[in-house]
Amino acid sequence: MCKALGLSVSGYYAWRSRPESARAAANRALIEDIRQIHAESCGTYGSPRVHAVLRGHGRRIGRARIERLMRRAGLRGMAALPRRTRTTDSRHGY
């Protein structure tokens, strides 16, 4: 497989034995918090609202990072229904 991908065998094993990076560990912890907030909102909150909730809890995280993690986890907010104007009698013959 290394030959097909053009990688060295020693590079593959070095990559495999490396510990998880601090950013990857932080992302893993953050996605759990995002999943919990998304579930508490019954799946309605998107990245702006999740970002607002996390900011309310005192966590300073960029909205783009939350968007990226939500996209990777397959989490999506619910879109608002379009507003329609309604009249008293919509079946009039004017």
PDB file of N, CA and C in Angstrom:
ATOM      1  N   MET A   1       0.820  -1.181   0.000  1.00  0.00           N
ATOM      2  CA  MET A   1       0.000   0.000   0.000  1.00  0.00           C
ATOM      3  C   MET A   1       0.870   1.253   0.000  1.00  0.00           C
ATOM      4  N   CYS A   2       1.972   1.231   0.745  1.00  0.00           N
ATOM      5  CA  CYS A   2       2.871   2.377   0.779  1.00  0.00           C
ATOM      6  C   CYS A   2       3.448   2.659  -0.609  1.00  0.00           C
ATOM      7  N   LYS A   3       3.755   1.607  -1.330  1.00  0.00           N
ATOM      8  CA  LYS A   3       4.327   1.766  -2.668  1.00  0.00           C
ATOM      9  C   LYS A   3       3.310   2.411  -3.603  1.00  0.00           C
ATOM     10  N   ALA A   4       2.048   1.989  -3.498  1.00  0.00           N
ATOM     11  CA  ALA A   4       0.999   2.552  -4.361  1.00  0.00           C
ATOM     12  C   ALA A   4       0.760   4.027  -4.057  1.00  0.00           C
ATOM     13  N   LEU A   5       0.895   4.413  -2.783  1.00  0.00           N
ATOM     14  CA  LEU A   5       0.680   5.806  -2.394  1.00  0.00           C
ATOM     15  C   LEU A   5       1.948   6.649  -2.474  1.00  0.00           C
ATOM     16  N   GLY A   6       3.056   6.017  -2.732  1.00  0.00           N
ATOM     17  CA  GLY A   6       4.321   6.740  -2.854  1.00  0.00           C
ATOM     18  C   GLY A   6       4.883   7.175  -1.506  1.00  0.00           C
ATOM     19  N   LEU A   7       4.670   6.368  -0.473  1.00  0.00           N
ATOM     20  CA  LEU A   7       5.153   6.681   0.867  1.00  0.00           C
ATOM     21  C   LEU A   7       6.227   5.688   1.271  1.00  0.00           C
ATOM     22  N   SER A   8       7.035   6.108   2.232  1.00  0.00           N
ATOM     23  CA  SER A   8       8.031   5.179   2.749  1.00  0.00           C
ATOM     24  C   SER A   8       7.406   4.357   3.869  1.00  0.00           C
ATOM     25  N   VAL A   9       7.857   3.132   3.990  1.00  0.00           N
ATOM     26  CA  VAL A   9       7.335   2.235   5.023  1.00  0.00           C
ATOM     27  C   VAL A   9       7.689   2.776   6.401  1.00  0.00           C
ATOM     28  N   SER A  10       8.900   3.269   6.559  1.00  0.00           N
ATOM     29  CA  SER A  10       9.313   3.798   7.864  1.00  0.00           C
ATOM     30  C   SER A  10       8.488   5.039   8.233  1.00  0.00           C
ATOM     31  N   GLY A  11       8.120   5.850   7.241  1.00  0.00           N
ATOM     32  CA  GLY A  11       7.281   7.017   7.503  1.00  0.00           C
ATOM     33  C   GLY A  11       5.892   6.623   7.983  1.00  0.00           C
ATOM     34  N   TYR A  12       5.353   5.548   7.410  1.00  0.00           N
ATOM     35  CA  TYR A  12       4.043   5.047   7.829  1.00  0.00           C
ATOM     36  C   TYR A  12       4.078   4.602   9.284  1.00  0.00           C
ATOM     37  N   TYR A  13       5.093   3.819   9.649  1.00  0.00           N
ATOM     38  CA  TYR A  13       5.168   3.325  11.017  1.00  0.00           C
ATOM     39  C   TYR A  13       5.472   4.453  11.997  1.00  0.00           C
ATOM     40  N   ALA A  14       6.225   5.444  11.578  1.00  0.00           N
ATOM     41  CA  ALA A  14       6.475   6.609  12.442  1.00  0.00           C
ATOM     42  C   ALA A  14       5.173   7.367  12.680  1.00  0.00           C
ATOM     43  N   TRP A  15       4.364   7.515  11.639  1.00  0.00           N
ATOM     44  CA  TRP A  15       3.071   8.194  11.765  1.00  0.00           C
ATOM     45  C   TRP A  15       2.136   7.414  12.695  1.00  0.00           C
ATOM     46  N   ARG A  16       2.165   6.087  12.569  1.00  0.00           N
ATOM     47  CA  ARG A  16       1.279   5.243  13.368  1.00  0.00           C
ATOM     48  C   ARG A  16       1.611   5.282  14.854  1.00  0.00           C
ATOM     49  N   SER A  17       2.879   5.441  15.179  1.00  0.00           N
ATOM     50  CA  SER A  17       3.286   5.415  16.584  1.00  0.00           C
ATOM     51  C   SER A  17       3.275   6.798  17.232  1.00  0.00           C
ATOM     52  N   ARG A  18       3.007   7.851  16.462  1.00  0.00           N
ATOM     53  CA  ARG A  18       2.948   9.200  17.021  1.00  0.00           C
ATOM     54  C   ARG A  18       1.744   9.357  17.935  1.00  0.00           C
ATOM     55  N   PRO A  19       1.886  10.108  19.030  1.00  0.00           N
ATOM     56  CA  PRO A  19       0.719  10.353  19.901  1.00  0.00           C
ATOM     57  C   PRO A  19      -0.232  11.355  19.246  1.00  0.00           C
ATOM     58  N   GLU A  20      -1.453  11.377  19.734  1.00  0.00           N
ATOM     59  CA  GLU A  20      -2.459  12.303  19.208  1.00  0.00           C
ATOM     60  C   GLU A  20      -2.041  13.735  19.540  1.00  0.00           C
ATOM     61  N   SER A  21      -2.238  14.646  18.588  1.00  0.00           N
ATOM     62  CA  SER A  21      -1.849  16.038  18.808  1.00  0.00           C
ATOM     63  C   SER A  21      -2.805  16.712  19.786  1.00  0.00           C
ATOM     64  N   ALA A  22      -2.363  17.815  20.352  1.00  0.00           N
ATOM     65  CA  ALA A  22      -3.189  18.556  21.309  1.00  0.00           C
ATOM     66  C   ALA A  22      -4.436  19.104  20.624  1.00  0.00           C
ATOM     67  N   ARG A  23      -4.296  19.551  19.374  1.00  0.00           N
ATOM     68  CA  ARG A  23      -5.443  20.095  18.641  1.00  0.00           C
ATOM     69  C   ARG A  23      -6.478  19.018  18.356  1.00  0.00           C
ATOM     70  N   ALA A  24      -6.022  17.823  17.977  1.00  0.00           N
ATOM     71  CA  ALA A  24      -6.949  16.723  17.712  1.00  0.00           C
ATOM     72  C   ALA A  24      -7.685  16.312  18.981  1.00  0.00           C
ATOM     73  N   ALA A  25      -6.989  16.295  20.109  1.00  0.00           N
ATOM     74  CA  ALA A  25      -7.631  15.957  21.384  1.00  0.00           C
ATOM     75  C   ALA A  25      -8.640  17.025  21.774  1.00  0.00           C
ATOM     76  N   ALA A  26      -8.300  18.297  21.545  1.00  0.00           N
ATOM     77  CA  ALA A  26      -9.224  19.389  21.857  1.00  0.00           C
ATOM     78  C   ALA A  26     -10.446  19.331  20.947  1.00  0.00           C
ATOM     79  N   ASN A  27     -10.242  19.008  19.669  1.00  0.00           N
ATOM     80  CA  ASN A  27     -11.367  18.876  18.742  1.00  0.00           C
ATOM     81  C   ASN A  27     -12.291  17.733  19.155  1.00  0.00           C
ATOM     82  N   ARG A  28     -11.714  16.629  19.613  1.00  0.00           N
ATOM     83  CA  ARG A  28     -12.516  15.491  20.040  1.00  0.00           C
ATOM     84  C   ARG A  28     -13.380  15.861  21.244  1.00  0.00           C
ATOM     85  N   ALA A  29     -12.805  16.608  22.197  1.00  0.00           N
ATOM     86  CA  ALA A  29     -13.569  17.044  23.360  1.00  0.00           C
ATOM     87  C   ALA A  29     -14.637  18.067  22.965  1.00  0.00           C
ATOM     88  N   LEU A  30     -14.289  18.941  22.032  1.00  0.00           N
ATOM     89  CA  LEU A  30     -15.215  19.982  21.597  1.00  0.00           C
ATOM     90  C   LEU A  30     -16.398  19.402  20.844  1.00  0.00           C
ATOM     91  N   ILE A  31     -16.160  18.395  20.029  1.00  0.00           N
ATOM     92  CA  ILE A  31     -17.260  17.811  19.262  1.00  0.00           C
ATOM     93  C   ILE A  31     -18.263  17.126  20.190  1.00  0.00           C
ATOM     94  N   GLU A  32     -17.806  16.614  21.312  1.00  0.00           N
ATOM     95  CA  GLU A  32     -18.733  16.027  22.289  1.00  0.00           C
ATOM     96  C   GLU A  32     -19.639  17.113  22.877  1.00  0.00           C
ATOM     97  N   ASP A  33     -19.067  18.275  23.191  1.00  0.00           N
ATOM     98  CA  ASP A  33     -19.881  19.387  23.694  1.00  0.00           C
ATOM     99  C   ASP A  33     -20.859  19.870  22.628  1.00  0.00           C
ATOM    100  N   ILE A  34     -20.410  19.929  21.383  1.00  0.00           N
ATOM    101  CA  ILE A  34     -21.272  20.366  20.286  1.00  0.00           C
ATOM    102  C   ILE A  34     -22.417  19.375  20.098  1.00  0.00           C
ATOM    103  N   ARG A  35     -22.127  18.084  20.160  1.00  0.00           N
ATOM    104  CA  ARG A  35     -23.175  17.068  20.033  1.00  0.00           C
ATOM    105  C   ARG A  35     -24.217  17.209  21.145  1.00  0.00           C
ATOM    106  N   GLN A  36     -23.763  17.489  22.356  1.00  0.00           N
ATOM    107  CA  GLN A  36     -24.673  17.629  23.487  1.00  0.00           C
ATOM    108  C   GLN A  36     -25.576  18.857  23.300  1.00  0.00           C
ATOM    109  N   ILE A  37     -25.009  19.989  22.901  1.00  0.00           N
ATOM    110  CA  ILE A  37     -25.795  21.200  22.684  1.00  0.00           C
ATOM    111  C   ILE A  37     -26.783  20.983  21.543  1.00  0.00           C
ATOM    112  N   HIS A  38     -26.335  20.331  20.483  1.00  0.00           N
ATOM    113  CA  HIS A  38     -27.200  20.068  19.334  1.00  0.00           C
ATOM    114  C   HIS A  38     -28.355  19.146  19.735  1.00  0.00           C
ATOM    115  N   ALA A  39     -28.079  18.153  20.557  1.00  0.00           N
ATOM    116  CA  ALA A  39     -29.125  17.220  21.002  1.00  0.00           C
ATOM    117  C   ALA A  39     -30.110  17.913  21.940  1.00  0.00           C
ATOM    118  N   GLU A  40     -29.616  18.787  22.822  1.00  0.00           N
ATOM    119  CA  GLU A  40     -30.498  19.501  23.746  1.00  0.00           C
ATOM    120  C   GLU A  40     -31.464  20.426  23.007  1.00  0.00           C
ATOM    121  N   SER A  41     -31.059  20.903  21.841  1.00  0.00           N
ATOM    122  CA  SER A  41     -31.926  21.783  21.048  1.00  0.00           C
ATOM    123  C   SER A  41     -32.821  20.970  20.108  1.00  0.00           C
ATOM    124  N   CYS A  42     -32.835  19.673  20.265  1.00  0.00           N
ATOM    125  CA  CYS A  42     -33.604  18.756  19.404  1.00  0.00           C
ATOM    126  C   CYS A  42     -33.158  18.856  17.953  1.00  0.00           C
ATOM    127  N   GLY A  43     -31.892  19.130  17.740  1.00  0.00           N
ATOM    128  CA  GLY A  43     -31.336  19.172  16.391  1.00  0.00           C
ATOM    129  C   GLY A  43     -31.637  20.437  15.625  1.00  0.00           C
ATOM    130  N   THR A  44     -32.081  21.496  16.305  1.00  0.00           N
ATOM    131  CA  THR A  44     -32.436  22.721  15.589  1.00  0.00           C
ATOM    132  C   THR A  44     -31.294  23.719  15.504  1.00  0.00           C
ATOM    133  N   TYR A  45     -30.361  23.695  16.431  1.00  0.00           N
ATOM    134  CA  TYR A  45     -29.293  24.697  16.449  1.00  0.00           C
ATOM    135  C   TYR A  45     -28.246  24.404  15.384  1.00  0.00           C
ATOM    136  N   GLY A  46     -27.880  25.434  14.655  1.00  0.00           N
ATOM    137  CA  GLY A  46     -26.781  25.373  13.711  1.00  0.00           C
ATOM    138  C   GLY A  46     -25.540  25.956  14.359  1.00  0.00           C
ATOM    139  N   SER A  47     -24.528  26.222  13.555  1.00  0.00           N
ATOM    140  CA  SER A  47     -23.266  26.693  14.112  1.00  0.00           C
ATOM    141  C   SER A  47     -23.357  28.062  14.798  1.00  0.00           C
ATOM    142  N   PRO A  48     -24.157  29.043  14.302  1.00  0.00           N
ATOM    143  CA  PRO A  48     -24.205  30.321  15.019  1.00  0.00           C
ATOM    144  C   PRO A  48     -24.768  30.191  16.435  1.00  0.00           C
ATOM    145  N   ARG A  49     -25.812  29.395  16.592  1.00  0.00           N
ATOM    146  CA  ARG A  49     -26.401  29.245  17.922  1.00  0.00           C
ATOM    147  C   ARG A  49     -25.535  28.388  18.834  1.00  0.00           C
ATOM    148  N   VAL A  50     -24.923  27.351  18.284  1.00  0.00           N
ATOM    149  CA  VAL A  50     -24.001  26.531  19.089  1.00  0.00           C
ATOM    150  C   VAL A  50     -22.842  27.400  19.545  1.00  0.00           C
ATOM    151  N   HIS A  51     -22.350  28.252  18.655  1.00  0.00           N
ATOM    152  CA  HIS A  51     -21.269  29.171  18.995  1.00  0.00           C
ATOM    153  C   HIS A  51     -21.704  30.099  20.123  1.00  0.00           C
ATOM    154  N   ALA A  52     -22.929  30.625  20.063  1.00  0.00           N
ATOM    155  CA  ALA A  52     -23.433  31.529  21.098  1.00  0.00           C
ATOM    156  C   ALA A  52     -23.540  30.817  22.447  1.00  0.00           C
ATOM    157  N   VAL A  53     -23.979  29.577  22.436  1.00  0.00           N
ATOM    158  CA  VAL A  53     -24.101  28.821  23.690  1.00  0.00           C
ATOM    159  C   VAL A  53     -22.719  28.581  24.289  1.00  0.00           C
ATOM    160  N   LEU A  54     -21.763  28.196  23.461  1.00  0.00           N
ATOM    161  CA  LEU A  54     -20.405  27.957  23.963  1.00  0.00           C
ATOM    162  C   LEU A  54     -19.780  29.247  24.490  1.00  0.00           C
ATOM    163  N   ARG A  55     -20.044  30.365  23.806  1.00  0.00           N
ATOM    164  CA  ARG A  55     -19.548  31.653  24.306  1.00  0.00           C
ATOM    165  C   ARG A  55     -20.192  31.986  25.646  1.00  0.00           C
ATOM    166  N   GLY A  56     -21.469  31.636  25.799  1.00  0.00           N
ATOM    167  CA  GLY A  56     -22.156  31.851  27.070  1.00  0.00           C
ATOM    168  C   GLY A  56     -21.570  31.033  28.199  1.00  0.00           C
ATOM    169  N   HIS A  57     -21.009  29.885  27.866  1.00  0.00           N
ATOM    170  CA  HIS A  57     -20.349  29.039  28.862  1.00  0.00           C
ATOM    171  C   HIS A  57     -18.905  29.474  29.117  1.00  0.00           C
ATOM    172  N   GLY A  58     -18.471  30.523  28.428  1.00  0.00           N
ATOM    173  CA  GLY A  58     -17.121  31.047  28.648  1.00  0.00           C
ATOM    174  C   GLY A  58     -16.045  30.423  27.788  1.00  0.00           C
ATOM    175  N   ARG A  59     -16.409  29.690  26.757  1.00  0.00           N
ATOM    176  CA  ARG A  59     -15.412  29.069  25.877  1.00  0.00           C
ATOM    177  C   ARG A  59     -15.193  29.954  24.668  1.00  0.00           C
ATOM    178  N   ARG A  60     -13.959  30.271  24.369  1.00  0.00           N
ATOM    179  CA  ARG A  60     -13.621  31.123  23.235  1.00  0.00           C
ATOM    180  C   ARG A  60     -13.179  30.255  22.073  1.00  0.00           C
ATOM    181  N   ILE A  61     -14.111  30.022  21.157  1.00  0.00           N
ATOM    182  CA  ILE A  61     -13.861  29.182  19.996  1.00  0.00           C
ATOM    183  C   ILE A  61     -14.442  29.891  18.788  1.00  0.00           C
ATOM    184  N   GLY A  62     -13.752  29.848  17.671  1.00  0.00           N
ATOM    185  CA  GLY A  62     -14.239  30.501  16.462  1.00  0.00           C
ATOM    186  C   GLY A  62     -15.411  29.755  15.848  1.00  0.00           C
ATOM    187  N   ARG A  63     -16.298  30.529  15.199  1.00  0.00           N
ATOM    188  CA  ARG A  63     -17.475  29.926  14.580  1.00  0.00           C
ATOM    189  C   ARG A  63     -17.082  29.035  13.408  1.00  0.00           C
ATOM    190  N   ALA A  64     -16.030  29.398  12.681  1.00  0.00           N
ATOM    191  CA  ALA A  64     -15.589  28.584  11.541  1.00  0.00           C
ATOM    192  C   ALA A  64     -15.127  27.204  12.002  1.00  0.00           C
ATOM    193  N   ARG A  65     -14.491  27.144  13.161  1.00  0.00           N
ATOM    194  CA  ARG A  65     -14.048  25.853  13.695  1.00  0.00           C
ATOM    195  C   ARG A  65     -15.255  25.007  14.075  1.00  0.00           C
ATOM    196  N   ILE A  66     -16.263  25.638  14.667  1.00  0.00           N
ATOM    197  CA  ILE A  66     -17.484  24.914  15.017  1.00  0.00           C
ATOM    198  C   ILE A  66     -18.177  24.428  13.754  1.00  0.00           C
ATOM    199  N   GLU A  67     -18.234  25.281  12.734  1.00  0.00           N
ATOM    200  CA  GLU A  67     -18.837  24.875  11.459  1.00  0.00           C
ATOM    201  C   GLU A  67     -18.135  23.653  10.891  1.00  0.00           C
ATOM    202  N   ARG A  68     -16.806  23.674  10.888  1.00  0.00           N
ATOM    203  CA  ARG A  68     -16.028  22.572  10.324  1.00  0.00           C
ATOM    204  C   ARG A  68     -16.264  21.274  11.100  1.00  0.00           C
ATOM    205  N   LEU A  69     -16.262  21.363  12.429  1.00  0.00           N
ATOM    206  CA  LEU A  69     -16.464  20.162  13.241  1.00  0.00           C
ATOM    207  C   LEU A  69     -17.880  19.622  13.094  1.00  0.00           C
ATOM    208  N   MET A  70     -18.864  20.524  12.999  1.00  0.00           N
ATOM    209  CA  MET A  70     -20.242  20.071  12.811  1.00  0.00           C
ATOM    210  C   MET A  70     -20.400  19.393  11.452  1.00  0.00           C
ATOM    211  N   ARG A  71     -19.763  19.943  10.428  1.00  0.00           N
ATOM    212  CA  ARG A  71     -19.835  19.358   9.089  1.00  0.00           C
ATOM    213  C   ARG A  71     -19.222  17.966   9.089  1.00  0.00           C
ATOM    214  N   ARG A  72     -18.067  17.813   9.745  1.00  0.00           N
ATOM    215  CA  ARG A  72     -17.411  16.501   9.810  1.00  0.00           C
ATOM    216  C   ARG A  72     -18.243  15.484  10.577  1.00  0.00           C
ATOM    217  N   ALA A  73     -18.963  15.955  11.611  1.00  0.00           N
ATOM    218  CA  ALA A  73     -19.775  15.052  12.423  1.00  0.00           C
ATOM    219  C   ALA A  73     -21.150  14.808  11.811  1.00  0.00           C
ATOM    220  N   GLY A  74     -21.478  15.523  10.739  1.00  0.00           N
ATOM    221  CA  GLY A  74     -22.772  15.333  10.083  1.00  0.00           C
ATOM    222  C   GLY A  74     -23.918  16.002  10.817  1.00  0.00           C
ATOM    223  N   LEU A  75     -23.629  17.044  11.598  1.00  0.00           N
ATOM    224  CA  LEU A  75     -24.663  17.766  12.342  1.00  0.00           C
ATOM    225  C   LEU A  75     -25.101  18.986  11.549  1.00  0.00           C
ATOM    226  N   ARG A  76     -26.423  19.157  11.428  1.00  0.00           N
ATOM    227  CA  ARG A  76     -26.967  20.311  10.714  1.00  0.00           C
ATOM    228  C   ARG A  76     -28.123  20.885  11.512  1.00  0.00           C
ATOM    229  N   GLY A  77     -28.251  22.189  11.458  1.00  0.00           N
ATOM    230  CA  GLY A  77     -29.376  22.839  12.107  1.00  0.00           C
ATOM    231  C   GLY A  77     -30.590  22.823  11.187  1.00  0.00           C
ATOM    232  N   MET A  78     -31.735  23.137  11.749  1.00  0.00           N
ATOM    233  CA  MET A  78     -32.967  23.192  10.970  1.00  0.00           C
ATOM    234  C   MET A  78     -33.113  24.584  10.374  1.00  0.00           C
ATOM    235  N   ALA A  79     -33.481  24.648   9.106  1.00  0.00           N
ATOM    236  CA  ALA A  79     -33.704  25.932   8.454  1.00  0.00           C
ATOM    237  C   ALA A  79     -35.079  26.459   8.839  1.00  0.00           C
ATOM    238  N   ALA A  80     -35.182  27.765   8.979  1.00  0.00           N
ATOM    239  CA  ALA A  80     -36.462  28.383   9.320  1.00  0.00           C
ATOM    240  C   ALA A  80     -37.408  28.286   8.132  1.00  0.00           C
ATOM    241  N   LEU A  81     -38.675  28.131   8.428  1.00  0.00           N
ATOM    242  CA  LEU A  81     -39.673  28.086   7.364  1.00  0.00           C
ATOM    243  C   LEU A  81     -39.870  29.485   6.796  1.00  0.00           C
ATOM    244  N   PRO A  82     -40.089  29.606   5.494  1.00  0.00           N
ATOM    245  CA  PRO A  82     -40.296  30.938   4.919  1.00  0.00           C
ATOM    246  C   PRO A  82     -41.609  31.532   5.411  1.00  0.00           C
ATOM    247  N   ARG A  83     -41.577  32.827   5.647  1.00  0.00           N
ATOM    248  CA  ARG A  83     -42.777  33.504   6.127  1.00  0.00           C
ATOM    249  C   ARG A  83     -43.649  33.883   4.949  1.00  0.00           C
ATOM    250  N   ARG A  84     -44.943  33.676   5.095  1.00  0.00           N
ATOM    251  CA  ARG A  84     -45.879  34.013   4.034  1.00  0.00           C
ATOM    252  C   ARG A  84     -46.877  35.025   4.567  1.00  0.00           C
ATOM    253  N   THR A  85     -47.236  35.965   3.743  1.00  0.00           N
ATOM    254  CA  THR A  85     -48.262  36.910   4.154  1.00  0.00           C
ATOM    255  C   THR A  85     -49.619  36.246   4.003  1.00  0.00           C
ATOM    256  N   ARG A  86     -50.475  36.484   4.939  1.00  0.00           N
ATOM    257  CA  ARG A  86     -51.800  35.878   4.921  1.00  0.00           C
ATOM    258  C   ARG A  86     -52.842  36.991   4.965  1.00  0.00           C
ATOM    259  N   THR A  87     -53.891  36.814   4.210  1.00  0.00           N
ATOM    260  CA  THR A  87     -54.976  37.787   4.210  1.00  0.00           C
ATOM    261  C   THR A  87     -56.170  37.186   4.921  1.00  0.00           C
ATOM    262  N   THR A  88     -57.138  38.010   5.193  1.00  0.00           N
ATOM    263  CA  THR A  88     -58.333  37.521   5.868  1.00  0.00           C
ATOM    264  C   THR A  88     -59.081  36.554   4.973  1.00  0.00           C
ATOM    265  N   ASP A  89     -59.250  36.931   3.695  1.00  0.00           N
ATOM    266  CA  ASP A  89     -59.963  36.075   2.747  1.00  0.00           C
ATOM    267  C   ASP A  89     -59.080  35.905   1.524  1.00  0.00           C
ATOM    268  N   SER A  90     -58.349  34.799   1.463  1.00  0.00           N
ATOM    269  CA  SER A  90     -57.437  34.610   0.349  1.00  0.00           C
ATOM    270  C   SER A  90     -58.129  34.090  -0.897  1.00  0.00           C
ATOM    271  N   ARG A  91     -59.440  33.791  -0.831  1.00  0.00           N
ATOM    272  CA  ARG A  91     -60.159  33.261  -1.995  1.00  0.00           C
ATOM    273  C   ARG A  91     -61.096  34.303  -2.590  1.00  0.00           C
ATOM    274  N   HIS A  92     -60.748  35.554  -2.426  1.00  0.00           N
ATOM    275  CA  HIS A  92     -61.619  36.603  -2.957  1.00  0.00           C
ATOM    276  C   HIS A  92     -61.444  36.747  -4.452  1.00  0.00           C
ATOM    277  N   GLY A  93     -62.365  37.387  -5.102  1.00  0.00           N
ATOM    278  CA  GLY A  93     -62.327  37.523  -6.559  1.00  0.00           C
ATOM    279  C   GLY A  93     -61.904  38.899  -7.017  1.00  0.00           C
ATOM    280  N   TYR A  94     -61.080  39.594  -6.267  1.00  0.00           N
ATOM    281  CA  TYR A  94     -60.656  40.952  -6.658  1.00  0.00           C
ATOM    282  C   TYR A  94     -59.696  40.905  -7.820  1.00  0.00           C
TER     283      TYR A  94
END
